[in-house]
């Protein structure tokens, strides 16, 4: 009997495939995790689909990964990553031969994405994800340029957003441009902002008309 006729095998294949592929995005393993993950996912799609559908679903699945990469490198607000994750789930669920196998495949993708976070405990995090997590405390004690400490003088000043902030973006204060973070809310381009706090080189702002 074909191994993929067992739902638990379907679960493991989608779990490992997603875990390795997402893990490759989180940590720098020089493509090793990516190749392993691609192998598992290729086995999954090719076992159930005709060649034309195999290509289509692989494109949808990998497009989801691309959206996650774009989110990590450019947008940094999780929106595209969420859409990308949904695309991956849709691809594996529609490729399953029945609804039970589809359910197992979806669970595999979800748990695989969560399990990929374990790689962060062992391997070095890719640079692009530090933009989202803001894990580094940028201060003179950490060896960063002490001139940035002058940002503390910006607290209480007002300016305007030069870009949409979702939540990161660029503001102009006293004729100077700065990278800044909103207080968890979207701020649109040209809206007036006020600097509320500075933490190292992180400038925290809110809309001027917020109470």
Protein backbone atom coordinates (compact mmCIF):
# COMPACT_ATOMS: atom_id res chain seq x y z
CA UNK A 1 0.00 0.00 0.00
CA UNK A 2 1.19 3.52 -0.82
CA UNK A 3 2.60 5.16 2.29
CA UNK A 4 0.79 8.40 1.53
CA UNK A 5 -2.52 6.59 1.92
CA UNK A 6 -1.88 6.86 5.67
CA UNK A 7 -2.99 10.23 7.00
CA UNK A 8 -0.24 10.36 9.60
CA UNK A 9 2.35 10.14 6.83
CA UNK A 10 0.65 13.07 5.09
CA UNK A 11 0.83 14.97 8.36
CA UNK A 12 4.55 14.27 8.80
CA UNK A 13 5.44 15.19 5.22
CA UNK A 14 3.69 18.56 5.33
CA UNK A 15 5.00 19.21 8.84
CA UNK A 16 8.66 18.56 7.93
CA UNK A 17 8.34 20.26 4.57
CA UNK A 18 6.96 23.45 6.08
CA UNK A 19 9.23 23.33 9.11
CA UNK A 20 12.39 23.11 6.99
CA UNK A 21 11.29 25.71 4.42
CA UNK A 22 10.20 28.28 6.99
CA UNK A 23 13.24 27.39 9.07
CA UNK A 24 15.44 28.32 6.12
CA UNK A 25 13.83 31.76 6.13
CA UNK A 26 14.39 32.21 9.86
CA UNK A 27 18.00 31.04 10.13
CA UNK A 28 20.96 30.99 7.78
CA UNK A 29 21.62 27.35 6.86
CA UNK A 30 22.99 28.03 3.36
CA UNK A 31 20.02 26.39 1.68
CA UNK A 32 20.24 23.01 3.43
CA UNK A 33 16.92 23.31 5.24
CA UNK A 34 15.33 24.76 2.13
CA UNK A 35 16.35 21.80 -0.02
CA UNK A 36 15.08 19.33 2.55
CA UNK A 37 11.77 21.16 2.88
CA UNK A 38 11.35 21.44 -0.88
CA UNK A 39 11.94 17.71 -1.17
CA UNK A 40 9.18 16.87 1.31
CA UNK A 41 6.70 19.25 -0.30
CA UNK A 42 7.52 17.96 -3.79
CA UNK A 43 6.79 14.42 -2.64
CA UNK A 44 3.46 15.57 -1.21
CA UNK A 45 2.19 17.39 -4.29
CA UNK A 46 3.54 14.92 -6.84
CA UNK A 47 1.90 11.98 -5.06
CA UNK A 48 -1.64 13.31 -5.53
CA UNK A 49 -1.65 15.62 -8.54
CA UNK A 50 -1.26 15.52 -12.30
CA UNK A 51 1.75 17.37 -13.65
CA UNK A 52 -0.25 20.51 -14.50
CA UNK A 53 -1.88 20.67 -11.08
CA UNK A 54 1.44 19.82 -9.42
CA UNK A 55 3.04 22.86 -11.03
CA UNK A 56 0.08 25.08 -10.12
CA UNK A 57 -0.02 24.09 -6.46
CA UNK A 58 3.76 24.31 -6.11
CA UNK A 59 3.58 27.85 -7.47
CA UNK A 60 0.84 28.76 -4.98
CA UNK A 61 2.75 27.20 -2.07
CA UNK A 62 6.07 28.81 -2.99
CA UNK A 63 4.32 32.12 -3.67
CA UNK A 64 3.21 32.00 -0.05
CA UNK A 65 6.84 31.63 0.99
CA UNK A 66 7.82 34.56 -1.22
CA UNK A 67 5.22 36.75 0.49
CA UNK A 68 6.70 35.79 3.86
CA UNK A 69 10.17 36.77 2.60
CA UNK A 70 8.89 40.11 1.27
CA UNK A 71 7.23 40.79 4.61
CA UNK A 72 10.47 40.08 6.45
CA UNK A 73 12.64 42.21 4.16
CA UNK A 74 10.36 45.10 3.23
CA UNK A 75 6.97 45.49 4.93
CA UNK A 76 7.68 44.21 8.43
CA UNK A 77 4.10 44.27 9.70
CA UNK A 78 3.04 40.65 9.27
CA UNK A 79 0.28 41.29 6.72
CA UNK A 80 1.97 39.66 3.73
CA UNK A 81 3.30 36.88 5.94
CA UNK A 82 -0.27 36.07 7.00
CA UNK A 83 -1.44 36.02 3.38
CA UNK A 84 1.53 33.85 2.48
CA UNK A 85 0.73 31.37 5.24
CA UNK A 86 -2.87 31.21 4.01
CA UNK A 87 -1.67 30.50 0.46
CA UNK A 88 0.44 27.60 1.71
CA UNK A 89 -2.50 26.15 3.63
CA UNK A 90 -4.81 26.47 0.62
CA UNK A 91 -2.28 24.73 -1.63
CA UNK A 92 -1.86 21.66 0.56
CA UNK A 93 -5.54 21.37 1.46
CA UNK A 94 -6.74 21.53 -2.16
CA UNK A 95 -4.13 18.97 -3.20
CA UNK A 96 -5.26 16.33 -0.71
CA UNK A 97 -7.30 13.37 -2.07
CA UNK A 98 -9.99 13.72 0.62
CA UNK A 99 -11.02 16.05 3.40
CA UNK A 100 -9.40 13.98 6.14
CA UNK A 101 -6.03 14.02 4.42
CA UNK A 102 -6.56 17.73 3.77
CA UNK A 103 -7.17 18.33 7.46
CA UNK A 104 -4.00 16.44 8.38
CA UNK A 105 -2.01 18.40 5.78
CA UNK A 106 -3.27 21.74 7.10
CA UNK A 107 -2.40 20.75 10.67
CA UNK A 108 1.03 19.71 9.40
CA UNK A 109 1.61 23.12 7.83
CA UNK A 110 0.49 24.98 10.96
CA UNK A 111 2.56 22.88 13.34
CA UNK A 112 5.50 22.90 10.93
CA UNK A 113 5.49 26.69 10.85
CA UNK A 114 5.38 26.80 14.65
CA UNK A 115 8.07 24.12 15.00
CA UNK A 116 10.41 26.08 12.72
CA UNK A 117 10.84 28.58 15.56
CA UNK A 118 12.90 25.92 17.34
CA UNK A 119 15.71 26.54 14.84
CA UNK A 120 16.12 30.00 16.38
CA UNK A 121 17.23 28.30 19.59
CA UNK A 122 20.12 26.60 17.81
CA UNK A 123 21.13 28.60 14.74
CA UNK A 124 21.82 32.26 14.01
CA UNK A 125 18.76 34.34 13.15
CA UNK A 126 18.65 35.87 9.69
CA UNK A 127 19.23 39.62 9.69
CA UNK A 128 15.89 40.50 8.10
CA UNK A 129 13.85 39.24 11.07
CA UNK A 130 15.53 41.61 13.53
CA UNK A 131 13.55 44.40 11.83
CA UNK A 132 10.31 42.82 13.02
CA UNK A 133 11.28 41.51 16.44
CA UNK A 134 13.53 44.43 17.43
CA UNK A 135 15.42 42.06 19.71
CA UNK A 136 18.57 44.17 19.91
CA UNK A 137 18.96 46.93 22.44
CA UNK A 138 20.87 49.53 20.42
CA UNK A 139 22.89 51.45 22.97
CA UNK A 140 26.45 52.51 23.67
CA UNK A 141 26.82 49.58 26.06
CA UNK A 142 26.21 47.26 23.10
CA UNK A 143 28.88 49.03 21.06
CA UNK A 144 26.69 51.22 18.88
CA UNK A 145 27.45 54.82 17.99
CA UNK A 146 26.86 56.99 21.06
CA UNK A 147 25.76 59.90 18.81
CA UNK A 148 22.40 58.19 18.60
CA UNK A 149 21.88 58.99 22.26
CA UNK A 150 21.05 62.52 21.09
CA UNK A 151 17.71 61.10 19.95
CA UNK A 152 16.53 61.63 23.52
CA UNK A 153 16.19 65.32 22.69
CA UNK A 154 13.41 64.48 20.25
CA UNK A 155 10.97 63.45 22.98
CA UNK A 156 7.97 65.76 22.99
CA UNK A 157 8.69 67.26 19.56
CA UNK A 158 6.21 67.07 16.70
CA UNK A 159 6.71 66.30 13.04
CA UNK A 160 5.06 64.44 10.19
CA UNK A 161 5.15 60.97 8.70
CA UNK A 162 7.04 60.81 5.40
CA UNK A 163 5.81 57.27 4.75
CA UNK A 164 2.99 55.04 5.93
CA UNK A 165 3.92 53.53 9.31
CA UNK A 166 2.79 49.88 9.68
CA UNK A 167 4.18 50.18 12.35
CA UNK A 168 7.64 51.27 11.11
CA UNK A 169 8.35 54.14 8.76
CA UNK A 170 10.11 57.48 8.32
CA UNK A 171 9.29 60.78 10.00
CA UNK A 172 10.57 64.33 9.66
CA UNK A 173 11.25 66.34 12.82
CA UNK A 174 12.91 69.77 12.75
CA UNK A 175 13.93 69.27 9.15
CA UNK A 176 15.64 65.91 9.78
CA UNK A 177 14.49 62.45 8.68
CA UNK A 178 14.34 59.61 11.22
CA UNK A 179 13.23 55.99 11.25
CA UNK A 180 10.48 55.53 13.80
CA UNK A 181 7.84 53.15 15.15
CA UNK A 182 4.20 53.89 15.83
CA UNK A 183 2.46 52.79 19.03
CA UNK A 184 0.97 49.71 17.41
CA UNK A 185 -1.37 51.68 15.14
CA UNK A 186 -1.09 52.55 11.48
CA UNK A 187 -0.10 56.13 10.74
CA UNK A 188 -0.49 57.34 7.17
CA UNK A 189 1.85 59.51 5.14
CA UNK A 190 1.74 63.26 5.90
CA UNK A 191 -0.11 62.79 9.21
CA UNK A 192 1.23 64.80 12.14
CA UNK A 193 3.08 62.79 14.80
CA UNK A 194 4.56 63.40 18.22
CA UNK A 195 7.67 61.71 19.61
CA UNK A 196 6.63 59.93 22.81
CA UNK A 197 9.79 58.04 23.78
CA UNK A 198 13.25 56.98 22.62
CA UNK A 199 14.83 53.62 23.40
CA UNK A 200 18.39 53.47 22.11
CA UNK A 201 17.90 54.26 18.42
CA UNK A 202 14.21 53.39 18.40
CA UNK A 203 11.99 56.45 18.15
CA UNK A 204 8.42 55.80 19.28
CA UNK A 205 5.69 58.11 18.00
CA UNK A 206 1.92 58.47 17.95
CA UNK A 207 -0.55 60.49 15.92
CA UNK A 208 -0.65 64.06 17.17
CA UNK A 209 -4.44 64.08 17.51
CA UNK A 210 -4.59 60.87 19.61
CA UNK A 211 -5.71 61.38 23.17
